[in-house]
């Protein structure tokens, strides 16, 4: 979604920079977000706050291919006691 219409900056771009450890001021300088009309500043700051490194969130994904047993690992029934 486009957050800053003036500079055509998306929430994904802002989030990517925030996850890289950049502050809002750094992102504002780098991308130009909230430097013209200022209407996007609250939304842009909210994205930065959600994605900032100081607020880590675990990203869990469940892929069925990753859950299959590998030939390298023995089956639990074939392990000798």
PDB file of N, CA and C in Angstrom:
ATOM      1  N   UNK A   1       0.840  -1.161   0.000  1.00  0.00           N
ATOM      2  CA  UNK A   1       0.000   0.000   0.000  1.00  0.00           C
ATOM      3  C   UNK A   1       0.897   1.239   0.000  1.00  0.00           C
ATOM      4  N   UNK A   2       0.506   2.208  -0.773  1.00  0.00           N
ATOM      5  CA  UNK A   2       1.251   3.468  -0.818  1.00  0.00           C
ATOM      6  C   UNK A   2       0.908   4.279   0.424  1.00  0.00           C
ATOM      7  N   UNK A   3       1.921   4.647   1.177  1.00  0.00           N
ATOM      8  CA  UNK A   3       1.737   5.454   2.387  1.00  0.00           C
ATOM      9  C   UNK A   3       1.929   6.925   2.040  1.00  0.00           C
ATOM     10  N   UNK A   4       2.996   7.230   1.323  1.00  0.00           N
ATOM     11  CA  UNK A   4       3.307   8.605   0.939  1.00  0.00           C
ATOM     12  C   UNK A   4       3.012   8.775  -0.550  1.00  0.00           C
ATOM     13  N   UNK A   5       1.922   9.475  -0.833  1.00  0.00           N
ATOM     14  CA  UNK A   5       1.522   9.681  -2.220  1.00  0.00           C
ATOM     15  C   UNK A   5       2.474  10.655  -2.917  1.00  0.00           C
ATOM     16  N   UNK A   6       2.925  11.668  -2.211  1.00  0.00           N
ATOM     17  CA  UNK A   6       3.802  12.680  -2.809  1.00  0.00           C
ATOM     18  C   UNK A   6       5.098  12.063  -3.340  1.00  0.00           C
ATOM     19  N   UNK A   7       5.680  11.151  -2.571  1.00  0.00           N
ATOM     20  CA  UNK A   7       6.956  10.522  -2.943  1.00  0.00           C
ATOM     21  C   UNK A   7       6.792   9.090  -3.426  1.00  0.00           C
ATOM     22  N   UNK A   8       5.545   8.613  -3.440  1.00  0.00           N
ATOM     23  CA  UNK A   8       5.210   7.251  -3.853  1.00  0.00           C
ATOM     24  C   UNK A   8       6.056   6.217  -3.083  1.00  0.00           C
ATOM     25  N   UNK A   9       5.903   6.244  -1.762  1.00  0.00           N
ATOM     26  CA  UNK A   9       6.614   5.333  -0.876  1.00  0.00           C
ATOM     27  C   UNK A   9       5.606   4.369  -0.277  1.00  0.00           C
ATOM     28  N   UNK A  10       5.901   3.087  -0.392  1.00  0.00           N
ATOM     29  CA  UNK A  10       4.978   2.071   0.109  1.00  0.00           C
ATOM     30  C   UNK A  10       5.305   1.680   1.544  1.00  0.00           C
ATOM     31  N   UNK A  11       4.345   1.024   2.181  1.00  0.00           N
ATOM     32  CA  UNK A  11       4.563   0.524   3.533  1.00  0.00           C
ATOM     33  C   UNK A  11       5.643  -0.548   3.546  1.00  0.00           C
ATOM     34  N   UNK A  12       5.780  -1.299   2.471  1.00  0.00           N
ATOM     35  CA  UNK A  12       6.822  -2.332   2.384  1.00  0.00           C
ATOM     36  C   UNK A  12       8.217  -1.715   2.369  1.00  0.00           C
ATOM     37  N   UNK A  13       8.365  -0.601   1.662  1.00  0.00           N
ATOM     38  CA  UNK A  13       9.666   0.078   1.643  1.00  0.00           C
ATOM     39  C   UNK A  13      10.021   0.609   3.028  1.00  0.00           C
ATOM     40  N   UNK A  14       9.042   1.210   3.679  1.00  0.00           N
ATOM     41  CA  UNK A  14       9.268   1.747   5.022  1.00  0.00           C
ATOM     42  C   UNK A  14       9.602   0.607   5.979  1.00  0.00           C
ATOM     43  N   UNK A  15       8.847  -0.484   5.902  1.00  0.00           N
ATOM     44  CA  UNK A  15       9.076  -1.640   6.788  1.00  0.00           C
ATOM     45  C   UNK A  15      10.452  -2.243   6.555  1.00  0.00           C
ATOM     46  N   UNK A  16      10.862  -2.351   5.306  1.00  0.00           N
ATOM     47  CA  UNK A  16      12.180  -2.921   4.989  1.00  0.00           C
ATOM     48  C   UNK A  16      13.293  -2.087   5.621  1.00  0.00           C
ATOM     49  N   UNK A  17      13.185  -0.776   5.542  1.00  0.00           N
ATOM     50  CA  UNK A  17      14.191   0.102   6.134  1.00  0.00           C
ATOM     51  C   UNK A  17      14.146   0.038   7.664  1.00  0.00           C
ATOM     52  N   UNK A  18      12.946  -0.036   8.228  1.00  0.00           N
ATOM     53  CA  UNK A  18      12.817  -0.112   9.685  1.00  0.00           C
ATOM     54  C   UNK A  18      13.404  -1.412  10.212  1.00  0.00           C
ATOM     55  N   UNK A  19      13.170  -2.518   9.504  1.00  0.00           N
ATOM     56  CA  UNK A  19      13.727  -3.805   9.923  1.00  0.00           C
ATOM     57  C   UNK A  19      15.240  -3.824   9.815  1.00  0.00           C
ATOM     58  N   UNK A  20      15.773  -2.967   8.970  1.00  0.00           N
ATOM     59  CA  UNK A  20      17.227  -2.862   8.830  1.00  0.00           C
ATOM     60  C   UNK A  20      17.838  -2.034   9.959  1.00  0.00           C
ATOM     61  N   UNK A  21      16.985  -1.508  10.832  1.00  0.00           N
ATOM     62  CA  UNK A  21      17.489  -0.767  11.982  1.00  0.00           C
ATOM     63  C   UNK A  21      17.464   0.738  11.838  1.00  0.00           C
ATOM     64  N   UNK A  22      16.859   1.239  10.778  1.00  0.00           N
ATOM     65  CA  UNK A  22      16.822   2.684  10.574  1.00  0.00           C
ATOM     66  C   UNK A  22      15.716   3.312  11.411  1.00  0.00           C
ATOM     67  N   UNK A  23      15.976   4.498  11.932  1.00  0.00           N
ATOM     68  CA  UNK A  23      14.976   5.249  12.682  1.00  0.00           C
ATOM     69  C   UNK A  23      14.043   5.959  11.697  1.00  0.00           C
ATOM     70  N   UNK A  24      12.964   6.546  12.222  1.00  0.00           N
ATOM     71  CA  UNK A  24      12.059   7.284  11.344  1.00  0.00           C
ATOM     72  C   UNK A  24      12.777   8.433  10.657  1.00  0.00           C
ATOM     73  N   UNK A  25      13.628   9.136  11.404  1.00  0.00           N
ATOM     74  CA  UNK A  25      14.363  10.257  10.809  1.00  0.00           C
ATOM     75  C   UNK A  25      15.266   9.791   9.672  1.00  0.00           C
ATOM     76  N   UNK A  26      15.922   8.642   9.856  1.00  0.00           N
ATOM     77  CA  UNK A  26      16.779   8.094   8.797  1.00  0.00           C
ATOM     78  C   UNK A  26      15.953   7.719   7.572  1.00  0.00           C
ATOM     79  N   UNK A  27      14.804   7.101   7.812  1.00  0.00           N
ATOM     80  CA  UNK A  27      13.923   6.693   6.714  1.00  0.00           C
ATOM     81  C   UNK A  27      13.377   7.918   5.998  1.00  0.00           C
ATOM     82  N   UNK A  28      13.035   8.931   6.766  1.00  0.00           N
ATOM     83  CA  UNK A  28      12.529  10.171   6.179  1.00  0.00           C
ATOM     84  C   UNK A  28      13.593  10.805   5.277  1.00  0.00           C
ATOM     85  N   UNK A  29      14.823  10.804   5.727  1.00  0.00           N
ATOM     86  CA  UNK A  29      15.910  11.367   4.929  1.00  0.00           C
ATOM     87  C   UNK A  29      16.172  10.513   3.684  1.00  0.00           C
ATOM     88  N   UNK A  30      16.166   9.197   3.849  1.00  0.00           N
ATOM     89  CA  UNK A  30      16.476   8.280   2.745  1.00  0.00           C
ATOM     90  C   UNK A  30      15.378   8.236   1.685  1.00  0.00           C
ATOM     91  N   UNK A  31      14.118   8.126   2.108  1.00  0.00           N
ATOM     92  CA  UNK A  31      13.017   7.940   1.173  1.00  0.00           C
ATOM     93  C   UNK A  31      12.237   9.214   0.869  1.00  0.00           C
ATOM     94  N   UNK A  32      12.381  10.224   1.716  1.00  0.00           N
ATOM     95  CA  UNK A  32      11.646  11.460   1.507  1.00  0.00           C
ATOM     96  C   UNK A  32      10.222  11.416   2.015  1.00  0.00           C
ATOM     97  N   UNK A  33       9.895  10.357   2.761  1.00  0.00           N
ATOM     98  CA  UNK A  33       8.534  10.217   3.270  1.00  0.00           C
ATOM     99  C   UNK A  33       8.240  11.332   4.272  1.00  0.00           C
ATOM    100  N   UNK A  34       7.028  11.884   4.204  1.00  0.00           N
ATOM    101  CA  UNK A  34       6.559  12.951   5.101  1.00  0.00           C
ATOM    102  C   UNK A  34       7.407  14.216   5.005  1.00  0.00           C
ATOM    103  N   UNK A  35       7.900  14.522   3.819  1.00  0.00           N
ATOM    104  CA  UNK A  35       8.698  15.748   3.656  1.00  0.00           C
ATOM    105  C   UNK A  35       7.986  16.799   2.811  1.00  0.00           C
ATOM    106  N   UNK A  36       6.856  16.443   2.199  1.00  0.00           N
ATOM    107  CA  UNK A  36       6.158  17.441   1.388  1.00  0.00           C
ATOM    108  C   UNK A  36       4.882  17.916   2.081  1.00  0.00           C
ATOM    109  N   UNK A  37       3.787  17.215   1.905  1.00  0.00           N
ATOM    110  CA  UNK A  37       2.536  17.695   2.504  1.00  0.00           C
ATOM    111  C   UNK A  37       2.390  17.264   3.959  1.00  0.00           C
ATOM    112  N   UNK A  38       3.045  16.171   4.361  1.00  0.00           N
ATOM    113  CA  UNK A  38       3.022  15.724   5.749  1.00  0.00           C
ATOM    114  C   UNK A  38       1.827  14.893   6.162  1.00  0.00           C
ATOM    115  N   UNK A  39       0.910  14.627   5.252  1.00  0.00           N
ATOM    116  CA  UNK A  39      -0.290  13.861   5.591  1.00  0.00           C
ATOM    117  C   UNK A  39       0.009  12.406   5.935  1.00  0.00           C
ATOM    118  N   UNK A  40       1.129  11.883   5.498  1.00  0.00           N
ATOM    119  CA  UNK A  40       1.457  10.475   5.705  1.00  0.00           C
ATOM    120  C   UNK A  40       2.289  10.220   6.958  1.00  0.00           C
ATOM    121  N   UNK A  41       2.669  11.253   7.668  1.00  0.00           N
ATOM    122  CA  UNK A  41       3.613  11.073   8.768  1.00  0.00           C
ATOM    123  C   UNK A  41       3.105  10.112   9.836  1.00  0.00           C
ATOM    124  N   UNK A  42       1.864  10.219  10.238  1.00  0.00           N
ATOM    125  CA  UNK A  42       1.334   9.319  11.281  1.00  0.00           C
ATOM    126  C   UNK A  42       1.349   7.872  10.809  1.00  0.00           C
ATOM    127  N   UNK A  43       0.939   7.633   9.578  1.00  0.00           N
ATOM    128  CA  UNK A  43       0.926   6.269   9.035  1.00  0.00           C
ATOM    129  C   UNK A  43       2.335   5.728   8.886  1.00  0.00           C
ATOM    130  N   UNK A  44       3.240   6.558   8.419  1.00  0.00           N
ATOM    131  CA  UNK A  44       4.622   6.124   8.240  1.00  0.00           C
ATOM    132  C   UNK A  44       5.269   5.813   9.588  1.00  0.00           C
ATOM    133  N   UNK A  45       5.021   6.645  10.578  1.00  0.00           N
ATOM    134  CA  UNK A  45       5.561   6.383  11.916  1.00  0.00           C
ATOM    135  C   UNK A  45       4.976   5.098  12.505  1.00  0.00           C
ATOM    136  N   UNK A  46       3.710   4.829  12.237  1.00  0.00           N
ATOM    137  CA  UNK A  46       3.081   3.601  12.727  1.00  0.00           C
ATOM    138  C   UNK A  46       3.740   2.367  12.114  1.00  0.00           C
ATOM    139  N   UNK A  47       4.058   2.424  10.827  1.00  0.00           N
ATOM    140  CA  UNK A  47       4.739   1.303  10.169  1.00  0.00           C
ATOM    141  C   UNK A  47       6.126   1.113  10.775  1.00  0.00           C
ATOM    142  N   UNK A  48       6.836   2.191  11.000  1.00  0.00           N
ATOM    143  CA  UNK A  48       8.173   2.116  11.601  1.00  0.00           C
ATOM    144  C   UNK A  48       8.086   1.515  12.996  1.00  0.00           C
ATOM    145  N   UNK A  49       7.119   1.950  13.786  1.00  0.00           N
ATOM    146  CA  UNK A  49       6.962   1.426  15.145  1.00  0.00           C
ATOM    147  C   UNK A  49       6.662  -0.066  15.140  1.00  0.00           C
ATOM    148  N   UNK A  50       5.860  -0.525  14.198  1.00  0.00           N
ATOM    149  CA  UNK A  50       5.508  -1.940  14.110  1.00  0.00           C
ATOM    150  C   UNK A  50       6.688  -2.796  13.683  1.00  0.00           C
ATOM    151  N   UNK A  51       7.570  -2.234  12.894  1.00  0.00           N
ATOM    152  CA  UNK A  51       8.655  -3.020  12.304  1.00  0.00           C
ATOM    153  C   UNK A  51      10.026  -2.735  12.899  1.00  0.00           C
ATOM    154  N   UNK A  52      10.102  -1.877  13.867  1.00  0.00           N
ATOM    155  CA  UNK A  52      11.392  -1.500  14.438  1.00  0.00           C
ATOM    156  C   UNK A  52      12.076  -2.699  15.072  1.00  0.00           C
ATOM    157  N   UNK A  53      13.393  -2.710  15.029  1.00  0.00           N
ATOM    158  CA  UNK A  53      14.186  -3.798  15.601  1.00  0.00           C
ATOM    159  C   UNK A  53      14.023  -3.890  17.112  1.00  0.00           C
ATOM    160  N   UNK A  54      13.622  -2.823  17.749  1.00  0.00           N
ATOM    161  CA  UNK A  54      13.435  -2.853  19.193  1.00  0.00           C
ATOM    162  C   UNK A  54      12.176  -3.612  19.582  1.00  0.00           C
ATOM    163  N   UNK A  55      11.303  -3.887  18.619  1.00  0.00           N
ATOM    164  CA  UNK A  55      10.083  -4.660  18.855  1.00  0.00           C
ATOM    165  C   UNK A  55      10.117  -5.927  18.012  1.00  0.00           C
ATOM    166  N   UNK A  56      11.024  -6.872  18.329  1.00  0.00           N
ATOM    167  CA  UNK A  56      11.132  -8.059  17.485  1.00  0.00           C
ATOM    168  C   UNK A  56       9.885  -8.926  17.553  1.00  0.00           C
ATOM    169  N   UNK A  57       9.530  -9.481  16.406  1.00  0.00           N
ATOM    170  CA  UNK A  57       8.385 -10.371  16.303  1.00  0.00           C
ATOM    171  C   UNK A  57       8.851 -11.611  15.577  1.00  0.00           C
ATOM    172  N   UNK A  58       8.516 -12.763  16.108  1.00  0.00           N
ATOM    173  CA  UNK A  58       8.908 -14.016  15.469  1.00  0.00           C
ATOM    174  C   UNK A  58       8.035 -14.244  14.250  1.00  0.00           C
ATOM    175  N   UNK A  59       8.661 -14.555  13.153  1.00  0.00           N
ATOM    176  CA  UNK A  59       7.939 -14.873  11.934  1.00  0.00           C
ATOM    177  C   UNK A  59       7.971 -16.379  11.744  1.00  0.00           C
ATOM    178  N   UNK A  60       6.858 -17.010  11.984  1.00  0.00           N
ATOM    179  CA  UNK A  60       6.780 -18.456  11.881  1.00  0.00           C
ATOM    180  C   UNK A  60       6.051 -18.833  10.610  1.00  0.00           C
ATOM    181  N   UNK A  61       6.639 -19.724   9.860  1.00  0.00           N
ATOM    182  CA  UNK A  61       5.989 -20.236   8.669  1.00  0.00           C
ATOM    183  C   UNK A  61       5.955 -21.746   8.749  1.00  0.00           C
ATOM    184  N   UNK A  62       4.956 -22.323   8.172  1.00  0.00           N
ATOM    185  CA  UNK A  62       4.805 -23.766   8.204  1.00  0.00           C
ATOM    186  C   UNK A  62       4.770 -24.266   6.767  1.00  0.00           C
ATOM    187  N   UNK A  63       5.852 -24.841   6.341  1.00  0.00           N
ATOM    188  CA  UNK A  63       5.923 -25.409   5.010  1.00  0.00           C
ATOM    189  C   UNK A  63       5.935 -26.921   5.135  1.00  0.00           C
ATOM    190  N   UNK A  64       5.066 -27.587   4.420  1.00  0.00           N
ATOM    191  CA  UNK A  64       4.974 -29.040   4.537  1.00  0.00           C
ATOM    192  C   UNK A  64       6.244 -29.725   4.067  1.00  0.00           C
ATOM    193  N   UNK A  65       6.928 -29.152   3.084  1.00  0.00           N
ATOM    194  CA  UNK A  65       8.161 -29.768   2.609  1.00  0.00           C
ATOM    195  C   UNK A  65       9.256 -29.731   3.677  1.00  0.00           C
ATOM    196  N   UNK A  66       9.225 -28.715   4.524  1.00  0.00           N
ATOM    197  CA  UNK A  66      10.225 -28.606   5.582  1.00  0.00           C
ATOM    198  C   UNK A  66       9.933 -29.557   6.728  1.00  0.00           C
ATOM    199  N   UNK A  67       8.699 -30.019   6.823  1.00  0.00           N
ATOM    200  CA  UNK A  67       8.317 -30.889   7.918  1.00  0.00           C
ATOM    201  C   UNK A  67       8.538 -32.373   7.615  1.00  0.00           C
ATOM    202  N   UNK A  68       8.788 -32.704   6.366  1.00  0.00           N
ATOM    203  CA  UNK A  68       9.014 -34.095   5.993  1.00  0.00           C
ATOM    204  C   UNK A  68      10.336 -34.582   6.573  1.00  0.00           C
ATOM    205  N   UNK A  69      10.353 -35.855   6.942  1.00  0.00           N
ATOM    206  CA  UNK A  69      11.590 -36.403   7.484  1.00  0.00           C
ATOM    207  C   UNK A  69      12.613 -36.559   6.377  1.00  0.00           C
ATOM    208  N   UNK A  70      13.830 -36.302   6.716  1.00  0.00           N
ATOM    209  CA  UNK A  70      14.929 -36.413   5.779  1.00  0.00           C
ATOM    210  C   UNK A  70      15.568 -37.784   5.912  1.00  0.00           C
ATOM    211  N   UNK A  71      16.233 -38.237   4.863  1.00  0.00           N
ATOM    212  CA  UNK A  71      16.935 -39.520   4.901  1.00  0.00           C
ATOM    213  C   UNK A  71      18.128 -39.472   5.845  1.00  0.00           C
ATOM    214  N   UNK A  72      18.625 -38.263   6.113  1.00  0.00           N
ATOM    215  CA  UNK A  72      19.779 -38.113   6.995  1.00  0.00           C
ATOM    216  C   UNK A  72      19.425 -38.413   8.449  1.00  0.00           C
ATOM    217  N   UNK A  73      18.178 -38.259   8.823  1.00  0.00           N
ATOM    218  CA  UNK A  73      17.747 -38.476  10.199  1.00  0.00           C
ATOM    219  C   UNK A  73      17.044 -39.819  10.290  1.00  0.00           C
ATOM    220  N   UNK A  74      17.420 -40.638  11.239  1.00  0.00           N
ATOM    221  CA  UNK A  74      16.786 -41.941  11.362  1.00  0.00           C
ATOM    222  C   UNK A  74      15.351 -41.811  11.865  1.00  0.00           C
ATOM    223  N   UNK A  75      14.516 -42.737  11.436  1.00  0.00           N
ATOM    224  CA  UNK A  75      13.133 -42.795  11.916  1.00  0.00           C
ATOM    225  C   UNK A  75      13.144 -43.108  13.406  1.00  0.00           C
ATOM    226  N   UNK A  76      12.213 -42.615  14.149  1.00  0.00           N
ATOM    227  CA  UNK A  76      12.185 -42.840  15.594  1.00  0.00           C
ATOM    228  C   UNK A  76      11.973 -44.304  15.934  1.00  0.00           C
ATOM    229  N   UNK A  77      11.295 -45.066  15.066  1.00  0.00           N
ATOM    230  CA  UNK A  77      11.066 -46.479  15.348  1.00  0.00           C
ATOM    231  C   UNK A  77      12.298 -47.326  15.074  1.00  0.00           C
ATOM    232  N   UNK A  78      13.233 -46.834  14.261  1.00  0.00           N
ATOM    233  CA  UNK A  78      14.420 -47.637  13.925  1.00  0.00           C
ATOM    234  C   UNK A  78      15.613 -47.306  14.807  1.00  0.00           C
ATOM    235  N   UNK A  79      15.491 -46.413  15.746  1.00  0.00           N
ATOM    236  CA  UNK A  79      16.590 -46.043  16.628  1.00  0.00           C
ATOM    237  C   UNK A  79      16.722 -47.127  17.699  1.00  0.00           C
ATOM    238  N   UNK A  80      17.920 -47.666  17.835  1.00  0.00           N
ATOM    239  CA  UNK A  80      18.168 -48.722  18.825  1.00  0.00           C
ATOM    240  C   UNK A  80      18.224 -48.117  20.213  1.00  0.00           C
ATOM    241  N   UNK A  81      17.649 -48.828  21.165  1.00  0.00           N
ATOM    242  CA  UNK A  81      17.621 -48.322  22.535  1.00  0.00           C
ATOM    243  C   UNK A  81      18.861 -48.694  23.294  1.00  0.00           C
TER     244      UNK A  81
END
